[in-house]
Amino acid sequence: MNEDPGRSKVPNLHASTLLDFLIADFETAWNQIALLPNTVQIGRGNFMFAKLSMTVLELSCRICAADTRGDSLKRFSSALAGLEPKYFTELPRKGRAYFDGRIPLPSISPTPGNDLLSAMFDLVRNGQAHQYQQIQVQLEDRTTFGISVTGPSHGMNLGTLAAMPRPSEHLRIIAAAEPNVWILLRTDRFFLDLKAAIERAGLRDGALSHLERSYPSVTSASMHSALAGHLTV
């Protein structure tokens, strides 16, 4: 009798565990870099934290997508909008949505994918994932639209930042960039909003449809044989 291949499958981590890991990685790294003096200008993690914050958003949305009841995304959207309605500012649209991928993003609009959050996810998440820099958009009049991201300043750990009033520069148009249109994304505030919205929407109780891959015609014996001559057991 052939062995059931499912018997040896290593279980995926639970959605709440992955959220814990991701949030702890962000907080630990941010708070450690916040100990550095501001004279250290390179290596403050601006791009890294922008990417991690978008991963928090994506993981949350994947948990919502796995909800068979279908109301998790609505709760998450409402919670995020209650914290910062500017995320859902409608952008001018011609033709396609700013994000129309397989992941359902938070939305409070009858036309999902046409708000600032959708554009942020596309430009920051995809830019950071594939070239470690946000994607810049060329507008029809040959100006650019883009997102500028922040990192930790000295002494500004996340506990301190959470206790402070909401920063007015978060999601503000950068006047010095005109006639180009650039938005300042306070990465700390974005992360703290996502973290709060996750709790308010109860996403830690959700499940996750984990990503999978299949290698046809490859067995553990053939994989081991291919690697054994080059990797130490």
Protein backbone atom coordinates (compact mmCIF):
# COMPACT_ATOMS: atom_id res chain seq x y z
CA MET A 1 0.00 0.00 0.00
CA ASN A 2 1.29 3.46 -0.88
CA GLU A 3 1.82 5.87 1.98
CA ASP A 4 -0.66 8.72 2.18
CA PRO A 5 1.41 11.80 1.19
CA GLY A 6 -0.72 13.93 3.48
CA ARG A 7 0.63 12.10 6.54
CA SER A 8 4.03 13.75 6.22
CA LYS A 9 2.76 17.26 5.41
CA VAL A 10 4.04 19.96 7.75
CA PRO A 11 1.08 22.11 8.88
CA ASN A 12 1.01 25.79 7.98
CA LEU A 13 1.03 28.35 10.76
CA HIS A 14 -2.31 29.72 11.94
CA ALA A 15 -3.34 33.16 10.69
CA SER A 16 -3.12 34.70 14.17
CA THR A 17 0.41 33.32 14.60
CA LEU A 18 1.51 34.85 11.31
CA LEU A 19 0.01 38.18 12.35
CA ASP A 20 1.89 37.96 15.65
CA PHE A 21 5.19 37.24 13.86
CA LEU A 22 4.72 40.04 11.33
CA ILE A 23 3.64 42.67 13.84
CA ALA A 24 6.43 41.72 16.27
CA ASP A 25 9.05 41.91 13.48
CA PHE A 26 7.87 45.41 12.56
CA GLU A 27 7.76 46.65 16.14
CA THR A 28 11.08 45.16 17.22
CA ALA A 29 12.97 46.44 14.19
CA TRP A 30 11.37 49.90 14.39
CA ASN A 31 12.08 50.34 18.10
CA GLN A 32 15.70 49.25 17.71
CA ILE A 33 16.37 51.64 14.83
CA ALA A 34 14.68 54.42 16.83
CA LEU A 35 17.58 54.11 19.28
CA LEU A 36 20.01 55.34 16.60
CA PRO A 37 20.86 59.06 16.57
CA ASN A 38 19.37 61.02 13.70
CA THR A 39 22.90 61.67 12.40
CA VAL A 40 22.73 58.10 11.05
CA GLN A 41 20.74 58.90 7.93
CA ILE A 42 21.19 55.73 5.84
CA GLY A 43 19.79 52.43 7.03
CA ARG A 44 16.81 53.76 8.97
CA GLY A 45 14.53 51.23 7.29
CA ASN A 46 12.08 53.54 5.50
CA PHE A 47 11.61 51.21 2.53
CA MET A 48 11.72 48.08 4.69
CA PHE A 49 8.94 49.34 6.96
CA ALA A 50 6.86 50.46 3.99
CA LYS A 51 7.08 46.93 2.60
CA LEU A 52 6.30 45.32 5.97
CA SER A 53 3.28 47.55 6.52
CA MET A 54 1.91 46.56 3.12
CA THR A 55 2.48 42.91 4.04
CA VAL A 56 0.39 43.50 7.17
CA LEU A 57 -2.36 44.87 4.92
CA GLU A 58 -2.07 41.99 2.45
CA LEU A 59 -2.11 39.29 5.12
CA SER A 60 -5.15 40.91 6.72
CA CYS A 61 -6.93 40.97 3.37
CA ARG A 62 -6.09 37.31 2.73
CA ILE A 63 -7.63 36.44 6.09
CA CYS A 64 -10.74 38.39 5.06
CA ALA A 65 -10.85 36.53 1.73
CA ALA A 66 -10.88 33.18 3.57
CA ASP A 67 -13.94 34.19 5.63
CA THR A 68 -16.84 32.03 4.45
CA ARG A 69 -19.34 34.34 6.16
CA GLY A 70 -18.14 37.18 3.96
CA ASP A 71 -18.27 40.07 6.46
CA SER A 72 -14.65 40.27 7.64
CA LEU A 73 -13.58 42.62 4.86
CA LYS A 74 -16.53 44.90 5.58
CA ARG A 75 -15.60 45.04 9.29
CA PHE A 76 -11.94 45.65 8.45
CA SER A 77 -12.86 48.40 5.96
CA SER A 78 -15.15 50.12 8.46
CA ALA A 79 -12.53 49.94 11.22
CA LEU A 80 -9.82 51.41 9.01
CA ALA A 81 -12.12 54.14 7.70
CA GLY A 82 -13.06 55.02 11.27
CA LEU A 83 -9.40 55.52 12.13
CA GLU A 84 -8.43 57.43 8.99
CA PRO A 85 -11.00 58.20 6.26
CA LYS A 86 -8.30 59.70 4.02
CA TYR A 87 -7.23 56.16 3.05
CA PHE A 88 -10.41 55.94 1.02
CA THR A 89 -10.13 59.24 -0.85
CA GLU A 90 -11.51 58.67 -4.35
CA LEU A 91 -8.97 59.28 -7.12
CA PRO A 92 -9.73 60.33 -10.69
CA ARG A 93 -10.36 57.23 -12.75
CA LYS A 94 -10.04 56.61 -16.45
CA GLY A 95 -10.61 53.03 -17.50
CA ARG A 96 -9.21 50.44 -15.08
CA ALA A 97 -9.08 50.38 -11.30
CA TYR A 98 -5.88 51.32 -9.49
CA PHE A 99 -5.74 47.83 -8.10
CA ASP A 100 -7.75 44.96 -9.53
CA GLY A 101 -5.78 41.94 -8.36
CA ARG A 102 -7.01 38.77 -6.69
CA ILE A 103 -6.75 40.18 -3.17
CA PRO A 104 -9.89 42.04 -2.02
CA LEU A 105 -8.66 45.30 -0.52
CA PRO A 106 -10.60 47.31 2.08
CA SER A 107 -13.12 49.65 0.48
CA ILE A 108 -16.07 51.83 1.46
CA SER A 109 -16.91 52.72 -2.14
CA PRO A 110 -19.36 51.08 -4.56
CA THR A 111 -16.44 51.00 -7.03
CA PRO A 112 -13.62 49.20 -5.14
CA GLY A 113 -10.06 49.75 -6.30
CA ASN A 114 -10.35 53.44 -7.14
CA ASP A 115 -9.21 55.01 -3.87
CA LEU A 116 -5.93 56.17 -2.40
CA LEU A 117 -5.38 52.95 -0.42
CA SER A 118 -5.60 50.88 -3.60
CA ALA A 119 -3.05 53.09 -5.35
CA MET A 120 -0.78 52.97 -2.29
CA PHE A 121 -0.91 49.18 -2.22
CA ASP A 122 -0.04 48.95 -5.90
CA LEU A 123 2.79 51.50 -5.88
CA VAL A 124 4.36 50.69 -2.51
CA ARG A 125 3.74 46.96 -2.17
CA ASN A 126 4.60 46.01 -5.75
CA GLY A 127 7.43 48.52 -6.00
CA GLN A 128 9.07 47.42 -2.76
CA ALA A 129 8.57 43.72 -3.50
CA HIS A 130 10.11 43.83 -6.97
CA GLN A 131 12.62 46.72 -7.01
CA TYR A 132 12.84 47.93 -3.38
CA GLN A 133 11.52 51.35 -4.37
CA GLN A 134 8.01 52.65 -4.78
CA ILE A 135 6.64 52.71 -8.33
CA GLN A 136 6.30 56.20 -9.78
CA VAL A 137 3.29 56.98 -11.96
CA GLN A 138 3.67 59.04 -15.10
CA LEU A 139 0.59 61.23 -15.50
CA GLU A 140 -0.81 62.36 -18.81
CA ASP A 141 0.73 65.85 -18.50
CA ARG A 142 4.22 64.33 -17.97
CA THR A 143 4.22 64.99 -14.23
CA THR A 144 4.54 62.18 -11.69
CA PHE A 145 2.41 60.83 -8.89
CA GLY A 146 4.08 58.91 -6.07
CA ILE A 147 4.25 57.97 -2.41
CA SER A 148 7.07 59.10 -0.10
CA VAL A 149 7.57 56.97 3.04
CA THR A 150 9.06 57.67 6.46
CA GLY A 151 11.11 55.69 8.97
CA PRO A 152 12.01 55.85 12.69
CA SER A 153 13.39 59.06 14.18
CA HIS A 154 15.58 58.96 17.28
CA GLY A 155 13.55 58.28 20.43
CA MET A 156 10.31 57.78 18.53
CA ASN A 157 9.48 54.17 19.37
CA LEU A 158 6.03 52.89 18.48
CA GLY A 159 4.76 53.11 22.05
CA THR A 160 5.64 56.81 22.15
CA LEU A 161 4.14 57.40 18.70
CA ALA A 162 0.90 55.61 19.57
CA ALA A 163 0.38 57.94 22.55
CA MET A 164 0.88 61.10 20.48
CA PRO A 165 -1.88 62.95 18.55
CA ARG A 166 -2.42 61.81 14.98
CA PRO A 167 0.29 63.49 12.85
CA SER A 168 -1.15 66.11 10.49
CA GLU A 169 1.45 65.32 7.81
CA HIS A 170 0.24 61.74 7.43
CA LEU A 171 -1.20 61.44 3.89
CA ARG A 172 -0.43 65.08 3.16
CA ILE A 173 0.46 66.38 -0.31
CA ILE A 174 4.12 67.39 -0.38
CA ALA A 175 4.03 71.02 -1.54
CA ALA A 176 7.71 71.09 -2.50
CA ALA A 177 7.11 68.42 -5.14
CA GLU A 178 4.67 70.52 -7.21
CA PRO A 179 3.72 70.39 -10.07
CA ASN A 180 4.29 66.66 -9.40
CA VAL A 181 1.86 65.11 -6.92
CA TRP A 182 3.54 63.26 -4.07
CA ILE A 183 1.85 61.98 -0.91
CA LEU A 184 3.69 61.56 2.40
CA LEU A 185 2.91 58.21 4.02
CA ARG A 186 3.81 58.13 7.71
CA THR A 187 4.71 54.45 7.87
CA ASP A 188 4.40 54.33 11.65
CA ARG A 189 0.88 55.74 11.59
CA PHE A 190 -0.17 53.43 8.78
CA PHE A 191 1.10 50.40 10.70
CA LEU A 192 -0.60 51.50 13.93
CA ASP A 193 -3.88 52.04 12.07
CA LEU A 194 -3.68 48.60 10.48
CA LYS A 195 -2.89 46.99 13.83
CA ALA A 196 -5.85 48.71 15.49
CA ALA A 197 -8.19 47.83 12.61
CA ILE A 198 -7.14 44.17 12.80
CA GLU A 199 -8.16 44.08 16.47
CA ARG A 200 -11.43 45.96 15.94
CA ALA A 201 -12.42 43.68 13.06
CA GLY A 202 -11.54 40.52 15.00
CA LEU A 203 -9.24 39.20 12.28
CA ARG A 204 -7.16 37.22 14.76
CA ASP A 205 -10.05 34.79 14.96
CA GLY A 206 -9.98 34.24 11.21
CA ALA A 207 -8.40 31.52 9.09
CA LEU A 208 -6.15 31.71 6.06
CA SER A 209 -6.05 29.93 2.72
CA HIS A 210 -2.31 29.42 2.55
CA LEU A 211 -0.43 29.71 -0.70
CA GLU A 212 0.64 26.38 -2.16
CA ARG A 213 2.93 25.00 -4.85
CA SER A 214 3.12 21.58 -6.47
CA TYR A 215 6.16 20.07 -8.21
CA PRO A 216 4.80 17.32 -10.51
CA SER A 217 6.92 14.16 -10.95
CA VAL A 218 9.23 15.16 -8.07
CA THR A 219 9.45 12.84 -5.05
CA SER A 220 11.25 13.32 -1.77
CA ALA A 221 13.81 10.72 -2.90
CA SER A 222 14.57 12.52 -6.16
CA MET A 223 14.71 15.89 -4.41
CA HIS A 224 17.05 14.50 -1.75
CA SER A 225 19.25 12.90 -4.40
CA ALA A 226 19.55 16.16 -6.33
CA LEU A 227 20.54 18.11 -3.22
CA ALA A 228 22.61 15.56 -1.27
CA GLY A 229 25.69 15.98 -3.40
CA HIS A 230 25.80 19.72 -2.78
CA LEU A 231 24.18 20.36 0.61
CA THR A 232 25.21 18.94 3.97
CA VAL A 233 22.66 16.69 5.63
